[in-house]
Amino acid sequence: MAISVHPYLNFPGNAREAMEYYQSVFGGELTVLGFADFGMSDMPADGTMHAALIHPNFSIMASDAMPGAEQTWGGTRNYIAVMGDDAATMTDWFDRLTADGTPGVPLATQAWGDTFGDVKDKYGIEWLFNIAAATPDDAQPDGTNPTD
């Protein structure tokens, strides 16, 4: 079981610029994926769907805001990203936050293969959950997979 928590920043169209700046300050390896890389034609072609700055001591992730997001930010553009492969634990946490909060994207398999969902908790904090897709190495001797 592995679960980690990461800051996830949201920008009004300049995520790539901001993440390149953070890389110049902190160092680390920067990966930037655009909306076009995932065939999201309803999004800005040059927009950033996901960027990750991986440093030996931490990581920072970011994306450009969805159109109209400025009206729903509620004073923050930061999220808490929970990432891991313990589907049962992470699904339970997601469900608990959703029970008293406002679900956004329900947990479901996404274009990148992982299970993803988001929820705004009762205090207005937004949580992004990304449950890693099972790999053949995860299979049990009986052929079942613990993340199914």
N, C-alpha and C. Protein backbone atom coordinates (compact mmCIF):
# COMPACT_ATOMS: atom_id res chain seq x y z
N MET A 1 0.85 -1.18 0.00
CA MET A 1 0.00 0.00 0.00
C MET A 1 0.89 1.23 0.00
N ALA A 2 0.55 2.16 -0.90
CA ALA A 2 1.28 3.42 -0.95
C ALA A 2 0.29 4.53 -1.23
N ILE A 3 0.30 5.54 -0.36
CA ILE A 3 -0.53 6.73 -0.55
C ILE A 3 0.33 7.93 -0.21
N SER A 4 0.24 8.98 -1.03
CA SER A 4 0.97 10.21 -0.73
C SER A 4 0.08 11.40 -1.03
N VAL A 5 0.40 12.54 -0.42
CA VAL A 5 -0.38 13.76 -0.57
C VAL A 5 0.53 14.83 -1.18
N HIS A 6 -0.02 15.57 -2.18
CA HIS A 6 0.77 16.54 -2.93
C HIS A 6 -0.02 17.82 -3.14
N PRO A 7 0.63 19.00 -3.08
CA PRO A 7 -0.07 20.23 -3.46
C PRO A 7 -0.34 20.23 -4.96
N TYR A 8 -1.51 20.72 -5.34
CA TYR A 8 -1.90 20.80 -6.74
C TYR A 8 -2.42 22.22 -6.98
N LEU A 9 -1.71 22.96 -7.81
CA LEU A 9 -2.01 24.37 -8.06
C LEU A 9 -2.78 24.51 -9.37
N ASN A 10 -3.67 25.47 -9.43
CA ASN A 10 -4.48 25.71 -10.61
C ASN A 10 -4.25 27.14 -11.06
N PHE A 11 -4.01 27.32 -12.36
CA PHE A 11 -3.66 28.63 -12.90
C PHE A 11 -4.64 29.05 -13.99
N PRO A 12 -4.79 30.38 -14.19
CA PRO A 12 -5.72 30.89 -15.19
C PRO A 12 -5.09 30.95 -16.59
N GLY A 13 -4.47 29.85 -17.04
CA GLY A 13 -3.91 29.80 -18.39
C GLY A 13 -2.40 29.89 -18.47
N ASN A 14 -1.71 30.02 -17.35
CA ASN A 14 -0.25 30.15 -17.40
C ASN A 14 0.45 29.11 -16.52
N ALA A 15 -0.11 27.91 -16.44
CA ALA A 15 0.48 26.86 -15.60
C ALA A 15 1.89 26.49 -16.08
N ARG A 16 2.07 26.36 -17.39
CA ARG A 16 3.41 25.99 -17.90
C ARG A 16 4.44 27.04 -17.48
N GLU A 17 4.12 28.31 -17.68
CA GLU A 17 5.04 29.39 -17.30
C GLU A 17 5.38 29.32 -15.81
N ALA A 18 4.35 29.14 -14.98
CA ALA A 18 4.57 29.09 -13.53
C ALA A 18 5.42 27.89 -13.15
N MET A 19 5.15 26.74 -13.73
CA MET A 19 5.91 25.54 -13.38
C MET A 19 7.35 25.63 -13.86
N GLU A 20 7.57 26.26 -15.02
CA GLU A 20 8.95 26.47 -15.48
C GLU A 20 9.68 27.40 -14.52
N TYR A 21 8.98 28.39 -14.01
CA TYR A 21 9.57 29.28 -13.00
C TYR A 21 9.93 28.50 -11.75
N TYR A 22 9.01 27.68 -11.24
CA TYR A 22 9.29 26.88 -10.03
C TYR A 22 10.46 25.94 -10.27
N GLN A 23 10.56 25.40 -11.47
CA GLN A 23 11.71 24.55 -11.77
C GLN A 23 13.00 25.35 -11.72
N SER A 24 12.97 26.61 -12.20
CA SER A 24 14.18 27.43 -12.16
C SER A 24 14.57 27.77 -10.72
N VAL A 25 13.59 27.84 -9.84
CA VAL A 25 13.86 28.15 -8.43
C VAL A 25 14.33 26.91 -7.68
N PHE A 26 13.59 25.80 -7.81
CA PHE A 26 13.83 24.62 -6.99
C PHE A 26 14.65 23.53 -7.66
N GLY A 27 14.75 23.56 -9.00
CA GLY A 27 15.36 22.44 -9.71
C GLY A 27 14.32 21.33 -9.86
N GLY A 28 14.79 20.15 -10.18
CA GLY A 28 13.90 19.02 -10.34
C GLY A 28 13.53 18.76 -11.78
N GLU A 29 12.77 17.71 -11.99
CA GLU A 29 12.35 17.27 -13.32
C GLU A 29 10.92 17.73 -13.57
N LEU A 30 10.71 18.44 -14.67
CA LEU A 30 9.39 18.97 -15.01
C LEU A 30 8.81 18.22 -16.20
N THR A 31 7.58 17.76 -16.04
CA THR A 31 6.81 17.14 -17.13
C THR A 31 5.53 17.96 -17.31
N VAL A 32 5.23 18.32 -18.56
CA VAL A 32 4.03 19.09 -18.85
C VAL A 32 3.26 18.38 -19.96
N LEU A 33 1.98 18.09 -19.68
CA LEU A 33 1.09 17.48 -20.66
C LEU A 33 -0.03 18.45 -20.98
N GLY A 34 -0.29 18.65 -22.27
CA GLY A 34 -1.32 19.58 -22.68
C GLY A 34 -2.67 18.92 -22.88
N PHE A 35 -3.72 19.73 -22.91
CA PHE A 35 -5.06 19.21 -23.20
C PHE A 35 -5.06 18.50 -24.55
N ALA A 36 -4.33 19.03 -25.52
CA ALA A 36 -4.28 18.42 -26.84
C ALA A 36 -3.68 17.02 -26.80
N ASP A 37 -2.77 16.77 -25.87
CA ASP A 37 -2.15 15.44 -25.74
C ASP A 37 -3.20 14.37 -25.42
N PHE A 38 -4.32 14.77 -24.86
CA PHE A 38 -5.37 13.82 -24.49
C PHE A 38 -6.62 13.99 -25.36
N GLY A 39 -6.48 14.72 -26.46
CA GLY A 39 -7.59 14.88 -27.40
C GLY A 39 -8.76 15.66 -26.84
N MET A 40 -8.50 16.57 -25.90
CA MET A 40 -9.57 17.35 -25.28
C MET A 40 -9.81 18.60 -26.12
N SER A 41 -10.58 18.44 -27.20
CA SER A 41 -10.79 19.52 -28.16
C SER A 41 -11.61 20.68 -27.61
N ASP A 42 -12.32 20.46 -26.50
CA ASP A 42 -13.12 21.54 -25.92
C ASP A 42 -12.30 22.43 -24.99
N MET A 43 -11.01 22.14 -24.86
CA MET A 43 -10.12 22.90 -24.00
C MET A 43 -9.11 23.68 -24.86
N PRO A 44 -8.48 24.72 -24.31
CA PRO A 44 -7.49 25.47 -25.07
C PRO A 44 -6.36 24.56 -25.56
N ALA A 45 -6.08 24.61 -26.85
CA ALA A 45 -5.08 23.71 -27.45
C ALA A 45 -3.71 23.85 -26.81
N ASP A 46 -3.35 25.05 -26.37
CA ASP A 46 -2.03 25.25 -25.76
C ASP A 46 -2.09 25.18 -24.24
N GLY A 47 -3.23 24.80 -23.69
CA GLY A 47 -3.40 24.75 -22.24
C GLY A 47 -2.73 23.53 -21.61
N THR A 48 -2.44 23.64 -20.34
CA THR A 48 -1.80 22.57 -19.58
C THR A 48 -2.84 21.76 -18.83
N MET A 49 -2.93 20.47 -19.17
CA MET A 49 -3.84 19.59 -18.45
C MET A 49 -3.23 19.13 -17.13
N HIS A 50 -1.93 18.83 -17.17
CA HIS A 50 -1.24 18.36 -15.96
C HIS A 50 0.25 18.64 -16.09
N ALA A 51 0.81 19.22 -15.05
CA ALA A 51 2.26 19.43 -14.98
C ALA A 51 2.72 18.90 -13.63
N ALA A 52 3.89 18.30 -13.62
CA ALA A 52 4.45 17.76 -12.38
C ALA A 52 5.92 18.14 -12.30
N LEU A 53 6.28 18.80 -11.21
CA LEU A 53 7.68 19.11 -10.92
C LEU A 53 8.10 18.15 -9.82
N ILE A 54 8.98 17.23 -10.16
CA ILE A 54 9.42 16.20 -9.21
C ILE A 54 10.82 16.57 -8.72
N HIS A 55 10.91 16.83 -7.46
CA HIS A 55 12.16 17.17 -6.78
C HIS A 55 12.48 15.99 -5.86
N PRO A 56 13.73 15.75 -5.53
CA PRO A 56 14.03 14.64 -4.63
C PRO A 56 13.32 14.71 -3.27
N ASN A 57 12.94 15.92 -2.83
CA ASN A 57 12.33 16.06 -1.52
C ASN A 57 10.83 16.35 -1.54
N PHE A 58 10.26 16.68 -2.70
CA PHE A 58 8.84 17.01 -2.78
C PHE A 58 8.40 17.02 -4.23
N SER A 59 7.12 17.18 -4.44
CA SER A 59 6.60 17.40 -5.79
C SER A 59 5.53 18.48 -5.74
N ILE A 60 5.39 19.19 -6.85
CA ILE A 60 4.34 20.18 -7.03
C ILE A 60 3.67 19.84 -8.35
N MET A 61 2.35 19.83 -8.33
CA MET A 61 1.60 19.57 -9.56
C MET A 61 0.73 20.77 -9.87
N ALA A 62 0.33 20.90 -11.13
CA ALA A 62 -0.48 22.05 -11.52
C ALA A 62 -1.21 21.78 -12.83
N SER A 63 -2.19 22.62 -13.10
CA SER A 63 -2.90 22.61 -14.38
C SER A 63 -3.49 23.99 -14.63
N ASP A 64 -3.93 24.20 -15.87
CA ASP A 64 -4.69 25.40 -16.18
C ASP A 64 -6.14 25.15 -15.78
N ALA A 65 -6.82 26.19 -15.40
CA ALA A 65 -8.22 26.09 -14.99
C ALA A 65 -9.11 25.71 -16.16
N MET A 66 -10.16 25.00 -15.83
CA MET A 66 -11.19 24.71 -16.82
C MET A 66 -11.91 26.02 -17.14
N PRO A 67 -12.44 26.16 -18.34
CA PRO A 67 -13.17 27.39 -18.67
C PRO A 67 -14.28 27.66 -17.65
N GLY A 68 -14.36 28.90 -17.19
CA GLY A 68 -15.37 29.28 -16.21
C GLY A 68 -15.00 29.01 -14.77
N ALA A 69 -13.85 28.39 -14.53
CA ALA A 69 -13.46 28.02 -13.16
C ALA A 69 -13.29 29.22 -12.25
N GLU A 70 -12.96 30.36 -12.81
CA GLU A 70 -12.74 31.54 -11.98
C GLU A 70 -13.96 31.86 -11.12
N GLN A 71 -15.15 31.54 -11.62
CA GLN A 71 -16.38 31.82 -10.87
C GLN A 71 -16.59 30.83 -9.72
N THR A 72 -15.91 29.70 -9.75
CA THR A 72 -16.13 28.68 -8.72
C THR A 72 -14.95 28.50 -7.77
N TRP A 73 -13.89 29.27 -7.97
CA TRP A 73 -12.71 29.08 -7.14
C TRP A 73 -12.95 29.41 -5.67
N GLY A 74 -13.82 30.30 -5.36
CA GLY A 74 -14.10 30.61 -3.97
C GLY A 74 -12.89 31.13 -3.21
N GLY A 75 -12.00 31.82 -3.88
CA GLY A 75 -10.86 32.42 -3.20
C GLY A 75 -9.61 31.56 -3.20
N THR A 76 -9.67 30.35 -3.71
CA THR A 76 -8.47 29.51 -3.75
C THR A 76 -8.37 28.82 -5.09
N ARG A 77 -7.15 28.54 -5.49
CA ARG A 77 -6.92 27.77 -6.70
C ARG A 77 -6.01 26.59 -6.36
N ASN A 78 -5.98 26.22 -5.12
CA ASN A 78 -5.11 25.15 -4.69
C ASN A 78 -5.94 23.94 -4.26
N TYR A 79 -5.40 22.78 -4.51
CA TYR A 79 -6.08 21.53 -4.22
C TYR A 79 -5.14 20.64 -3.42
N ILE A 80 -5.71 19.64 -2.79
CA ILE A 80 -4.91 18.61 -2.15
C ILE A 80 -5.08 17.35 -2.98
N ALA A 81 -4.00 16.86 -3.54
CA ALA A 81 -4.03 15.67 -4.38
C ALA A 81 -3.60 14.46 -3.56
N VAL A 82 -4.47 13.47 -3.49
CA VAL A 82 -4.19 12.22 -2.79
C VAL A 82 -3.94 11.18 -3.87
N MET A 83 -2.76 10.60 -3.87
CA MET A 83 -2.38 9.68 -4.93
C MET A 83 -1.88 8.39 -4.33
N GLY A 84 -2.23 7.29 -4.96
CA GLY A 84 -1.75 6.01 -4.47
C GLY A 84 -2.38 4.84 -5.18
N ASP A 85 -2.18 3.67 -4.59
CA ASP A 85 -2.70 2.45 -5.20
C ASP A 85 -3.60 1.65 -4.27
N ASP A 86 -3.90 2.18 -3.09
CA ASP A 86 -4.79 1.49 -2.14
C ASP A 86 -6.22 1.93 -2.42
N ALA A 87 -6.84 1.25 -3.38
CA ALA A 87 -8.16 1.65 -3.86
C ALA A 87 -9.21 1.62 -2.76
N ALA A 88 -9.19 0.62 -1.89
CA ALA A 88 -10.22 0.52 -0.85
C ALA A 88 -10.13 1.70 0.12
N THR A 89 -8.95 2.00 0.60
CA THR A 89 -8.77 3.11 1.55
C THR A 89 -9.11 4.44 0.91
N MET A 90 -8.59 4.67 -0.29
CA MET A 90 -8.80 5.95 -0.95
C MET A 90 -10.27 6.14 -1.35
N THR A 91 -10.94 5.09 -1.76
CA THR A 91 -12.37 5.18 -2.08
C THR A 91 -13.17 5.51 -0.83
N ASP A 92 -12.80 4.90 0.30
CA ASP A 92 -13.48 5.19 1.57
C ASP A 92 -13.30 6.66 1.93
N TRP A 93 -12.08 7.17 1.82
CA TRP A 93 -11.83 8.58 2.14
C TRP A 93 -12.64 9.48 1.22
N PHE A 94 -12.66 9.17 -0.08
CA PHE A 94 -13.41 9.96 -1.05
C PHE A 94 -14.90 9.97 -0.67
N ASP A 95 -15.43 8.79 -0.36
CA ASP A 95 -16.85 8.69 0.00
C ASP A 95 -17.16 9.47 1.28
N ARG A 96 -16.27 9.44 2.26
CA ARG A 96 -16.49 10.17 3.51
C ARG A 96 -16.51 11.67 3.26
N LEU A 97 -15.57 12.15 2.45
CA LEU A 97 -15.54 13.59 2.13
C LEU A 97 -16.77 13.99 1.32
N THR A 98 -17.21 13.13 0.44
CA THR A 98 -18.37 13.41 -0.40
C THR A 98 -19.65 13.45 0.41
N ALA A 99 -19.74 12.62 1.47
CA ALA A 99 -20.96 12.54 2.29
C ALA A 99 -21.34 13.90 2.87
N ASP A 100 -20.34 14.70 3.28
CA ASP A 100 -20.60 16.01 3.86
C ASP A 100 -20.19 17.15 2.94
N GLY A 101 -19.71 16.81 1.74
CA GLY A 101 -19.20 17.82 0.83
C GLY A 101 -19.98 17.87 -0.47
N THR A 102 -19.32 18.42 -1.48
CA THR A 102 -19.92 18.57 -2.79
C THR A 102 -19.08 17.82 -3.81
N PRO A 103 -19.59 16.72 -4.33
CA PRO A 103 -18.81 15.98 -5.32
C PRO A 103 -18.67 16.78 -6.61
N GLY A 104 -17.51 16.64 -7.24
CA GLY A 104 -17.28 17.23 -8.55
C GLY A 104 -17.32 16.12 -9.58
N VAL A 105 -16.16 15.55 -9.84
CA VAL A 105 -16.05 14.41 -10.76
C VAL A 105 -16.14 13.14 -9.91
N PRO A 106 -17.10 12.25 -10.20
CA PRO A 106 -17.17 11.00 -9.44
C PRO A 106 -15.97 10.11 -9.77
N LEU A 107 -15.59 9.26 -8.81
CA LEU A 107 -14.49 8.33 -9.07
C LEU A 107 -14.82 7.48 -10.28
N ALA A 108 -13.95 7.51 -11.29
CA ALA A 108 -14.15 6.73 -12.50
C ALA A 108 -12.83 6.61 -13.24
N THR A 109 -12.70 5.59 -14.07
CA THR A 109 -11.50 5.41 -14.88
C THR A 109 -11.41 6.55 -15.89
N GLN A 110 -10.21 7.11 -16.02
CA GLN A 110 -10.00 8.27 -16.89
C GLN A 110 -9.13 7.90 -18.09
N ALA A 111 -8.93 8.86 -19.00
CA ALA A 111 -8.18 8.64 -20.24
C ALA A 111 -6.76 8.15 -19.98
N TRP A 112 -6.17 8.54 -18.85
CA TRP A 112 -4.79 8.12 -18.55
C TRP A 112 -4.73 6.75 -17.88
N GLY A 113 -5.90 6.12 -17.65
CA GLY A 113 -5.94 4.75 -17.15
C GLY A 113 -6.18 4.60 -15.66
N ASP A 114 -5.97 5.66 -14.90
CA ASP A 114 -6.19 5.61 -13.45
C ASP A 114 -7.64 5.96 -13.12
N THR A 115 -8.02 5.71 -11.88
CA THR A 115 -9.31 6.13 -11.38
C THR A 115 -9.14 7.50 -10.74
N PHE A 116 -9.98 8.45 -11.12
CA PHE A 116 -9.84 9.82 -10.64
C PHE A 116 -11.21 10.35 -10.23
N GLY A 117 -11.22 11.21 -9.22
CA GLY A 117 -12.42 11.92 -8.82
C GLY A 117 -12.04 13.12 -7.98
N ASP A 118 -12.95 14.10 -7.86
CA ASP A 118 -12.67 15.24 -6.99
C ASP A 118 -13.91 15.60 -6.19
N VAL A 119 -13.66 16.21 -5.05
CA VAL A 119 -14.73 16.59 -4.14
C VAL A 119 -14.31 17.84 -3.37
N LYS A 120 -15.27 18.75 -3.12
CA LYS A 120 -15.03 19.89 -2.25
C LYS A 120 -15.62 19.53 -0.90
N ASP A 121 -14.78 19.55 0.14
CA ASP A 121 -15.27 19.15 1.45
C ASP A 121 -16.13 20.24 2.08
N LYS A 122 -16.70 19.96 3.23
CA LYS A 122 -17.63 20.90 3.86
C LYS A 122 -16.98 22.20 4.29
N TYR A 123 -15.64 22.25 4.26
CA TYR A 123 -14.92 23.48 4.60
C TYR A 123 -14.45 24.24 3.36
N GLY A 124 -14.80 23.72 2.18
CA GLY A 124 -14.43 24.39 0.94
C GLY A 124 -13.10 23.98 0.36
N ILE A 125 -12.44 23.00 0.97
CA ILE A 125 -11.16 22.50 0.45
C ILE A 125 -11.46 21.47 -0.64
N GLU A 126 -10.77 21.60 -1.77
CA GLU A 126 -10.98 20.65 -2.87
C GLU A 126 -9.90 19.58 -2.84
N TRP A 127 -10.36 18.34 -2.98
CA TRP A 127 -9.51 17.15 -2.93
C TRP A 127 -9.56 16.45 -4.27
N LEU A 128 -8.38 16.11 -4.80
CA LEU A 128 -8.26 15.34 -6.03
C LEU A 128 -7.75 13.95 -5.65
N PHE A 129 -8.46 12.93 -6.05
CA PHE A 129 -8.05 11.55 -5.77
C PHE A 129 -7.65 10.87 -7.07
N ASN A 130 -6.45 10.30 -7.11
CA ASN A 130 -5.98 9.54 -8.27
C ASN A 130 -5.50 8.18 -7.78
N ILE A 131 -6.27 7.15 -8.12
CA ILE A 131 -5.94 5.78 -7.72
C ILE A 131 -5.27 5.11 -8.91
N ALA A 132 -4.02 4.71 -8.73
CA ALA A 132 -3.24 4.13 -9.82
C ALA A 132 -3.91 2.89 -10.37
N ALA A 133 -3.87 2.76 -11.70
CA ALA A 133 -4.42 1.58 -12.35
C ALA A 133 -3.61 0.35 -11.93
N ALA A 134 -4.29 -0.75 -11.81
CA ALA A 134 -3.63 -2.00 -11.46
C ALA A 134 -2.71 -2.41 -12.59
N THR A 135 -1.61 -3.02 -12.24
CA THR A 135 -0.69 -3.55 -13.23
C THR A 135 -0.71 -5.07 -13.11
N PRO A 136 -0.22 -5.77 -14.12
CA PRO A 136 -0.18 -7.24 -14.02
C PRO A 136 0.60 -7.72 -12.79
N ASP A 137 1.56 -6.91 -12.33
CA ASP A 137 2.34 -7.28 -11.15
C ASP A 137 1.51 -7.27 -9.88
N ASP A 138 0.33 -6.58 -9.91
CA ASP A 138 -0.53 -6.49 -8.74
C ASP A 138 -1.41 -7.73 -8.56
N ALA A 139 -1.49 -8.59 -9.57
CA ALA A 139 -2.41 -9.73 -9.53
C ALA A 139 -2.01 -10.70 -8.42
N GLN A 140 -3.02 -11.25 -7.79
CA GLN A 140 -2.85 -12.26 -6.75
C GLN A 140 -2.68 -13.63 -7.40
N PRO A 141 -2.20 -14.63 -6.65
CA PRO A 141 -2.03 -15.97 -7.22
C PRO A 141 -3.32 -16.54 -7.83
N ASP A 142 -4.47 -16.13 -7.32
CA ASP A 142 -5.75 -16.65 -7.85
C ASP A 142 -6.21 -15.86 -9.08
N GLY A 143 -5.38 -14.88 -9.53
CA GLY A 143 -5.73 -14.11 -10.71
C GLY A 143 -6.53 -12.85 -10.43
N THR A 144 -6.97 -12.66 -9.19
CA THR A 144 -7.71 -11.45 -8.86
C THR A 144 -6.75 -10.30 -8.67
N ASN A 145 -7.30 -9.11 -8.70
CA ASN A 145 -6.49 -7.92 -8.53
C ASN A 145 -7.02 -7.12 -7.36
N PRO A 146 -6.17 -6.75 -6.36
CA PRO A 146 -6.63 -6.06 -5.18
C PRO A 146 -7.20 -4.68 -5.44
N THR A 147 -6.93 -4.07 -6.59
CA THR A 147 -7.46 -2.74 -6.86
C THR A 147 -8.74 -2.77 -7.67
N ASP A 148 -9.25 -3.95 -7.96
CA ASP A 148 -10.52 -4.05 -8.70
C ASP A 148 -11.68 -3.82 -7.76
